[in-house]
N, C-alpha and C. Protein backbone atom coordinates (compact mmCIF):
# COMPACT_ATOMS: atom_id res chain seq x y z
N TYR A 1 70.17 5.73 132.13
CA TYR A 1 69.83 4.65 131.23
C TYR A 1 70.67 4.81 130.07
N ILE A 2 70.92 5.85 129.36
CA ILE A 2 71.72 6.06 128.21
C ILE A 2 73.17 5.52 128.41
N ALA A 3 73.73 5.95 129.44
CA ALA A 3 75.13 5.58 129.81
C ALA A 3 75.18 4.16 129.97
N LEU A 4 74.29 3.62 130.72
CA LEU A 4 74.43 2.19 131.16
C LEU A 4 74.09 1.21 130.07
N ILE A 5 73.08 1.71 129.10
CA ILE A 5 72.80 0.94 128.03
C ILE A 5 73.87 0.91 126.97
N ALA A 6 74.59 1.82 126.92
CA ALA A 6 75.79 2.12 126.00
C ALA A 6 76.84 0.99 126.46
N VAL A 7 76.95 0.74 127.71
CA VAL A 7 78.05 -0.33 128.20
C VAL A 7 77.46 -1.61 127.85
N VAL A 8 76.15 -1.91 128.06
CA VAL A 8 75.60 -3.16 127.56
C VAL A 8 75.74 -3.27 126.08
N VAL A 9 75.54 -2.35 125.28
CA VAL A 9 75.66 -2.51 123.78
C VAL A 9 77.16 -2.70 123.35
N VAL A 10 78.07 -2.19 124.18
CA VAL A 10 79.50 -2.39 123.68
C VAL A 10 79.89 -3.62 124.19
N PHE A 11 79.29 -4.30 125.36
CA PHE A 11 79.50 -5.71 125.74
C PHE A 11 78.93 -6.62 124.67
N GLN A 12 77.84 -6.44 124.19
CA GLN A 12 77.21 -7.24 123.01
C GLN A 12 78.11 -7.12 121.68
N CYS A 13 78.65 -5.87 121.46
CA CYS A 13 79.39 -5.71 120.26
C CYS A 13 80.92 -6.44 120.38
N ALA A 14 81.39 -6.52 121.68
CA ALA A 14 82.47 -7.13 121.84
C ALA A 14 82.43 -8.88 121.74
N LEU A 15 81.13 -9.21 122.20
CA LEU A 15 80.84 -10.59 122.00
C LEU A 15 80.69 -11.01 120.36
N ILE A 16 80.04 -10.14 119.70
CA ILE A 16 80.01 -10.27 118.18
C ILE A 16 81.54 -10.43 117.54
N ILE A 17 82.40 -9.67 118.15
CA ILE A 17 83.77 -9.54 117.31
C ILE A 17 84.74 -10.66 118.01
N GLY A 18 84.18 -11.46 119.04
CA GLY A 18 84.82 -12.74 119.58
C GLY A 18 85.49 -12.52 120.98
N ALA A 19 84.99 -11.55 121.72
CA ALA A 19 85.58 -11.54 123.08
C ALA A 19 85.21 -12.71 123.87
N PRO A 20 85.99 -13.25 124.77
CA PRO A 20 85.65 -14.70 125.36
C PRO A 20 84.85 -14.46 126.59
N TRP A 21 83.71 -13.88 126.45
CA TRP A 21 82.91 -13.56 127.66
C TRP A 21 81.51 -14.28 127.62
N GLY A 22 81.53 -15.45 126.95
CA GLY A 22 80.35 -16.17 126.73
C GLY A 22 79.81 -16.62 128.08
N ALA A 23 80.50 -16.78 129.12
CA ALA A 23 80.03 -17.25 130.35
C ALA A 23 79.15 -16.03 131.02
N PHE A 24 79.27 -15.08 130.54
CA PHE A 24 78.32 -13.87 131.26
C PHE A 24 77.17 -13.60 130.27
N THR A 25 76.76 -14.52 129.55
CA THR A 25 75.61 -14.22 128.63
C THR A 25 74.83 -15.57 128.29
N MET A 26 73.63 -15.51 127.98
CA MET A 26 72.93 -16.72 127.31
C MET A 26 73.18 -17.93 128.31
N GLY A 27 72.87 -17.52 129.56
CA GLY A 27 72.98 -18.59 130.62
C GLY A 27 74.35 -19.18 130.86
N GLY A 28 75.24 -18.67 130.32
CA GLY A 28 76.62 -19.28 130.35
C GLY A 28 76.84 -20.47 129.53
N ALA A 29 75.90 -20.80 128.73
CA ALA A 29 75.94 -22.03 127.82
C ALA A 29 77.16 -22.02 126.81
N PHE A 30 77.79 -20.93 126.60
CA PHE A 30 78.90 -21.01 125.57
C PHE A 30 80.07 -20.11 126.20
N PRO A 31 80.72 -20.67 127.20
CA PRO A 31 81.74 -20.08 127.73
C PRO A 31 82.91 -19.82 126.80
N GLY A 32 83.61 -18.74 126.90
CA GLY A 32 84.62 -18.35 125.99
C GLY A 32 84.05 -17.61 124.75
N THR A 33 84.48 -17.79 123.65
CA THR A 33 83.90 -16.98 122.43
C THR A 33 82.57 -17.68 122.02
N LEU A 34 81.68 -16.81 121.70
CA LEU A 34 80.47 -17.40 121.05
C LEU A 34 80.48 -17.99 119.85
N PRO A 35 79.80 -18.97 119.53
CA PRO A 35 79.68 -19.56 118.26
C PRO A 35 79.05 -18.61 117.20
N PRO A 36 79.34 -18.67 116.10
CA PRO A 36 78.66 -17.71 114.89
C PRO A 36 77.16 -17.54 115.13
N ARG A 37 76.32 -18.63 115.50
CA ARG A 37 74.90 -18.30 115.48
C ARG A 37 74.66 -17.46 116.77
N MET A 38 75.29 -17.61 117.69
CA MET A 38 75.25 -16.91 119.00
C MET A 38 75.57 -15.46 118.82
N ARG A 39 76.55 -15.18 118.02
CA ARG A 39 77.01 -13.93 117.71
C ARG A 39 76.01 -13.19 116.93
N VAL A 40 75.31 -13.78 116.12
CA VAL A 40 74.13 -13.16 115.40
C VAL A 40 72.90 -12.76 116.53
N ALA A 41 72.78 -13.65 117.52
CA ALA A 41 71.83 -13.35 118.56
C ALA A 41 72.32 -12.12 119.26
N ALA A 42 73.70 -11.93 119.55
CA ALA A 42 74.40 -10.83 120.17
C ALA A 42 74.12 -9.57 119.33
N ALA A 43 74.18 -9.82 118.09
CA ALA A 43 74.04 -8.60 117.32
C ALA A 43 72.52 -8.05 117.30
N LEU A 44 71.66 -9.16 117.27
CA LEU A 44 70.26 -8.70 117.43
C LEU A 44 70.03 -8.02 118.85
N SER A 45 70.57 -8.60 119.78
CA SER A 45 70.29 -7.97 121.29
C SER A 45 71.02 -6.48 121.20
N ALA A 46 72.19 -6.40 120.55
CA ALA A 46 72.87 -5.07 120.59
C ALA A 46 71.78 -4.14 119.75
N ALA A 47 71.19 -4.41 118.84
CA ALA A 47 70.40 -3.42 118.10
C ALA A 47 69.09 -3.02 118.81
N LEU A 48 68.59 -4.18 119.38
CA LEU A 48 67.22 -3.85 120.29
C LEU A 48 67.74 -2.95 121.45
N LEU A 49 68.90 -3.32 122.07
CA LEU A 49 69.33 -2.45 123.28
C LEU A 49 69.61 -1.00 122.79
N ALA A 50 70.27 -0.81 121.68
CA ALA A 50 70.42 0.37 121.03
C ALA A 50 69.11 1.38 120.82
N LEU A 51 68.31 0.61 120.34
CA LEU A 51 66.90 1.05 120.04
C LEU A 51 66.26 1.65 121.25
N SER A 52 66.37 0.70 122.34
CA SER A 52 65.73 0.94 123.50
C SER A 52 66.39 2.32 124.23
N GLY A 53 67.62 2.49 124.03
CA GLY A 53 68.32 3.68 124.51
C GLY A 53 67.91 4.94 123.63
N MET A 54 67.61 4.76 122.41
CA MET A 54 67.01 5.77 121.64
C MET A 54 65.55 6.17 122.08
N VAL A 55 64.87 5.24 122.30
CA VAL A 55 63.35 5.42 122.75
C VAL A 55 63.39 6.28 124.10
N VAL A 56 64.42 5.74 125.07
CA VAL A 56 64.47 6.46 126.32
C VAL A 56 64.91 7.90 126.18
N ALA A 57 65.95 7.99 125.25
CA ALA A 57 66.50 9.44 125.10
C ALA A 57 65.41 10.35 124.40
N ALA A 58 64.59 9.93 123.59
CA ALA A 58 63.53 10.67 122.87
C ALA A 58 62.45 10.95 123.99
N ARG A 59 62.08 9.99 124.77
CA ARG A 59 61.02 10.21 125.84
C ARG A 59 61.49 11.22 126.87
N ALA A 60 62.76 11.07 127.02
CA ALA A 60 63.35 12.12 128.01
C ALA A 60 63.51 13.52 127.56
N GLY A 61 63.37 13.72 126.25
CA GLY A 61 63.62 15.05 125.62
C GLY A 61 65.05 15.29 125.36
N MET A 62 65.92 14.12 125.47
CA MET A 62 67.35 14.31 125.23
C MET A 62 67.85 14.24 123.74
N ALA A 63 67.19 13.75 122.93
CA ALA A 63 67.39 13.43 121.54
C ALA A 63 66.22 13.10 120.84
N PHE A 64 66.23 12.95 119.41
CA PHE A 64 65.18 12.46 118.49
C PHE A 64 63.96 13.25 118.86
N PRO A 65 63.73 14.36 118.76
CA PRO A 65 62.53 15.15 119.06
C PRO A 65 61.33 14.69 118.24
N SER A 66 61.61 14.26 117.09
CA SER A 66 60.40 13.84 116.29
C SER A 66 59.88 12.42 116.65
N TRP A 67 60.54 11.79 117.48
CA TRP A 67 60.02 10.57 118.03
C TRP A 67 59.12 10.64 119.20
N HIS A 68 59.21 11.82 119.91
CA HIS A 68 58.70 11.98 121.19
C HIS A 68 57.18 11.31 121.38
N ARG A 69 56.40 11.93 120.41
CA ARG A 69 54.97 11.30 120.40
C ARG A 69 54.93 9.77 120.36
N GLY A 70 55.57 9.16 119.54
CA GLY A 70 55.58 7.59 119.51
C GLY A 70 56.07 7.00 120.68
N THR A 71 56.91 7.69 121.53
CA THR A 71 57.40 7.15 122.71
C THR A 71 56.55 6.97 123.90
N ARG A 72 55.23 7.62 123.78
CA ARG A 72 54.28 7.44 124.73
C ARG A 72 54.07 5.95 125.02
N TRP A 73 53.99 5.12 123.97
CA TRP A 73 53.73 3.67 124.16
C TRP A 73 55.05 2.92 124.23
N ALA A 74 56.03 3.37 123.27
CA ALA A 74 57.18 2.71 123.23
C ALA A 74 58.12 2.55 124.54
N ILE A 75 57.94 3.53 125.33
CA ILE A 75 58.67 3.60 126.61
C ILE A 75 58.28 2.32 127.44
N TRP A 76 56.86 1.96 127.42
CA TRP A 76 56.33 1.03 128.12
C TRP A 76 56.92 -0.47 127.62
N VAL A 77 57.19 -0.49 126.25
CA VAL A 77 57.69 -1.63 125.69
C VAL A 77 59.22 -1.79 126.19
N VAL A 78 59.87 -0.73 126.32
CA VAL A 78 61.27 -0.70 126.85
C VAL A 78 61.18 -1.14 128.22
N VAL A 79 60.27 -0.60 129.13
CA VAL A 79 60.21 -1.10 130.48
C VAL A 79 59.85 -2.47 130.68
N ALA A 80 58.92 -3.06 129.97
CA ALA A 80 58.39 -4.45 129.82
C ALA A 80 59.72 -5.33 129.45
N TYR A 81 60.50 -4.94 128.57
CA TYR A 81 61.67 -5.55 127.94
C TYR A 81 62.72 -5.72 129.15
N MET A 82 63.05 -4.61 129.83
CA MET A 82 63.93 -4.55 130.92
C MET A 82 63.35 -5.45 132.02
N CYS A 83 62.22 -5.40 132.41
CA CYS A 83 61.63 -6.33 133.42
C CYS A 83 61.98 -7.80 133.08
N VAL A 84 61.50 -8.15 131.98
CA VAL A 84 61.90 -9.62 131.45
C VAL A 84 63.24 -9.83 131.64
N GLY A 85 64.18 -8.83 131.16
CA GLY A 85 65.75 -9.05 131.41
C GLY A 85 65.96 -9.24 132.97
N VAL A 86 65.29 -8.66 133.79
CA VAL A 86 65.56 -8.87 135.17
C VAL A 86 65.26 -10.17 135.62
N VAL A 87 64.05 -10.74 135.19
CA VAL A 87 63.59 -12.07 135.52
C VAL A 87 64.60 -13.08 135.02
N LEU A 88 64.98 -12.87 133.80
CA LEU A 88 65.92 -13.80 133.03
C LEU A 88 67.31 -13.85 133.77
N ASN A 89 67.80 -12.66 134.09
CA ASN A 89 68.99 -12.50 134.72
C ASN A 89 69.08 -13.16 136.12
N ALA A 90 67.82 -13.14 136.79
CA ALA A 90 67.79 -13.65 138.07
C ALA A 90 67.63 -15.05 138.16
N ILE A 91 67.14 -15.78 137.21
CA ILE A 91 66.97 -17.25 137.19
C ILE A 91 68.07 -18.00 136.30
N THR A 92 69.00 -17.28 135.67
CA THR A 92 70.13 -17.62 134.96
C THR A 92 71.04 -18.87 135.57
N PRO A 93 71.47 -19.83 135.12
CA PRO A 93 72.29 -20.66 135.74
C PRO A 93 73.74 -20.22 135.92
N SER A 94 73.86 -19.26 135.25
CA SER A 94 75.33 -18.45 135.13
C SER A 94 75.43 -17.56 136.36
N ALA A 95 76.37 -18.02 137.29
CA ALA A 95 76.52 -17.05 138.54
C ALA A 95 77.17 -15.93 138.05
N GLY A 96 78.16 -15.79 137.17
CA GLY A 96 78.72 -14.59 136.62
C GLY A 96 77.68 -13.67 136.08
N GLU A 97 76.77 -14.29 135.19
CA GLU A 97 75.77 -13.44 134.65
C GLU A 97 74.81 -12.87 135.41
N ARG A 98 74.66 -13.55 136.58
CA ARG A 98 73.58 -13.01 137.72
C ARG A 98 74.39 -11.89 138.42
N MET A 99 75.57 -12.05 138.83
CA MET A 99 76.22 -11.28 139.60
C MET A 99 76.49 -9.80 138.76
N VAL A 100 76.81 -9.94 137.40
CA VAL A 100 77.08 -8.76 136.67
C VAL A 100 75.77 -8.09 136.17
N TRP A 101 74.88 -8.88 135.44
CA TRP A 101 73.86 -8.30 134.79
C TRP A 101 72.43 -8.06 135.47
N LEU A 102 72.21 -8.81 136.55
CA LEU A 102 70.95 -8.64 137.22
C LEU A 102 71.02 -7.26 137.87
N PRO A 103 72.10 -6.94 138.51
CA PRO A 103 71.93 -5.32 139.02
C PRO A 103 71.88 -4.40 137.89
N VAL A 104 72.66 -4.59 136.83
CA VAL A 104 72.52 -3.76 135.70
C VAL A 104 71.11 -3.64 135.03
N THR A 105 70.51 -4.80 134.84
CA THR A 105 69.16 -4.73 134.26
C THR A 105 67.99 -4.18 135.28
N ILE A 106 68.43 -4.38 136.67
CA ILE A 106 67.51 -3.80 137.64
C ILE A 106 67.44 -2.38 137.51
N VAL A 107 68.68 -1.66 137.44
CA VAL A 107 68.94 -0.16 137.26
C VAL A 107 68.25 0.20 135.92
N LEU A 108 68.55 -0.46 134.84
CA LEU A 108 67.93 -0.10 133.60
C LEU A 108 66.40 -0.01 133.67
N ALA A 109 65.97 -0.95 134.33
CA ALA A 109 64.33 -1.03 134.49
C ALA A 109 63.74 0.02 135.17
N VAL A 110 64.39 0.36 136.38
CA VAL A 110 63.95 1.34 137.05
C VAL A 110 64.12 2.67 136.42
N CYS A 111 65.32 2.98 135.76
CA CYS A 111 65.43 4.28 134.95
C CYS A 111 64.41 4.36 133.87
N ALA A 112 64.07 3.36 133.12
CA ALA A 112 63.11 3.43 132.07
C ALA A 112 61.69 3.56 132.78
N LEU A 113 61.37 3.09 134.02
CA LEU A 113 60.12 3.29 134.52
C LEU A 113 59.98 4.74 134.97
N VAL A 114 61.15 5.41 135.52
CA VAL A 114 61.28 6.75 136.01
C VAL A 114 60.86 7.67 134.61
N VAL A 115 61.56 7.25 133.67
CA VAL A 115 61.32 8.13 132.42
C VAL A 115 59.89 8.08 132.00
N GLY A 116 59.42 6.81 131.88
CA GLY A 116 58.02 6.44 131.46
C GLY A 116 56.98 7.22 132.41
N ARG A 117 57.19 7.28 133.75
CA ARG A 117 56.35 7.83 134.57
C ARG A 117 56.44 9.33 134.76
N SER A 118 57.41 9.95 134.28
CA SER A 118 57.86 11.34 134.53
C SER A 118 56.66 12.35 133.96
N SER A 119 56.09 13.04 134.68
CA SER A 119 55.22 14.05 134.15
C SER A 119 55.85 14.91 133.31
N LYS A 120 57.10 15.40 133.44
CA LYS A 120 57.73 16.15 132.51
C LYS A 120 57.61 15.59 131.05
N ASN A 121 57.51 14.40 130.96
CA ASN A 121 57.51 13.50 129.48
C ASN A 121 56.10 13.31 129.07
N ALA A 122 55.17 13.76 129.99
CA ALA A 122 53.78 13.48 129.50
C ALA A 122 53.15 14.25 128.58
N HIS A 123 53.90 15.55 128.29
CA HIS A 123 53.26 16.25 127.09
C HIS A 123 53.75 15.89 125.77
N SER A 124 52.98 16.24 124.88
CA SER A 124 53.13 15.69 123.37
C SER A 124 54.15 16.80 122.79
N ALA A 125 55.06 16.29 122.10
CA ALA A 125 55.96 17.16 121.22
C ALA A 125 55.36 17.57 119.87
């Protein structure tokens, strides 16, 4: 999860600084470089995705040990967010977005679910 979410965050950061990959995000509505308001959306998305990575890392016992207790519920928010991402990437009108991000969000959702259900993570820190 951590490695893959890092790739997605880097993609969002590239969009923020003007990478011409708009066809692969937001339903492909903004091919090329995103307009300023959509770059703000990419920044918010990057922040949420980075936070989700931190939650998964804490829940898995990889980092942020003081967060572990709070991740008992937060991991399920991450799982739900990733599942919504699966649905949105499955129904997007952008073929490129579907081809690239649907498999990525499926893997992220499964990884988050595995971390959430892991009995190893069920203990309190």
